[in-house]
Amino acid sequence: MTPEDILKVPAKVLSQSQRESYFEDGYLLVESFIEQDWLDKLRAAIDAQVERSRAVAASDAVFDLEPSHSAEAPRLRRVSSPCDEDPVFWNYLIQSRLGDLLEDLLGPDVKFFQAKLNFKWAKGGAEVKWHQDVPFFPHSNDAVLTCGTYLYDCGPEQGPLGVIPGSHKGEIFDHYAADGTWTGDIQADDLGRIDGSKAVYLEGPAGSVTLHNYRTVHGSRPNNSDIGRPLLLNVVSAADAMPYTFNPLRSQYEQQIIRGKPAKWAHHDGGHRLIPPDWSGGYTSIFALQQGEAAE
């Protein structure tokens, strides 16, 4: 659906000005949106994943680990496809009021693409360099967004999500190095066309939700505080947005409708889309890619 079509549908939880701000700036922060009951369930499910990781010595299809990870002191960077690891994560997506929020920005028919649970562990959690999501999983139209849930308070010292307002209206940047290696970030020669001084860092209390269009330039600083920052991320789209390439984070729920009904017609935007590497073998995480730990 186009922004104009979506804005014609009455909102469920957002104000019209919030919806217009999202389409104008490419992002939105909704503070303290998730109820405490859901936060408690999600925190318990996250703790269970951390405990599971103690038995894992090296990164695999589910757990992406920092090099210093150990059973005694687990340090995760990502749990891939958490909805497949614990039903709490899927139930949160389809049963909580989060679905109403997604409808307000994508229209009444919403489907799931992928999920990940990213960690910025205390005292050195890795940065995420400036990048866009669209090169990782291009779709037929731009009604695709990533929704983040802060499970705990996130201040400037925890490395909150940073976005460049309005960048979703600009170009899609190359995420390949000059030698053809996929790096998963915007190349140094192109960074000069991005005004980092305009970056907005989305800090918020527990239960806050971040939303950004998949063309929006975004990243985050390292977490050098004493408090870890888990961030639950769900990538969803309007039902009429169709992926062009293989989903690197396979899930039993991929393309499942979470609100409304399936699309009868696909909607296509104009322009070009960068094609990522062949993800049919999956990958560990953006952290590993950007740090040069995995060659794709």
Foldseek 3Di string as FASTA:
>chain_A
DDLVVLLVDDADPDDSVQLVQCVQFQKGKFFQAFDPVLLVVVVVLVVVVQQVCQPPDAFDLAWHFDPPAHNVRGGTFKGWQVCQVDVSVVCCLQPTCVVSVLCSNFNQWKAFATKMKGKQAEAWRAKFAWAFQCQVWPWQDFQKKKKKFWSFFFDQLQWAKKWQTPQLVDDHADQADPVRWRQRHHDPVCCVVGDPVRIDGRGHGGGMMMMGTRRIIMITHHRRHNDMTIMIMTMMGGLQIGTPADRLRDDPRHSPISGDDHDPHHDGDDDDGNHDPHSPVHDRDSRCSNVVVDTD
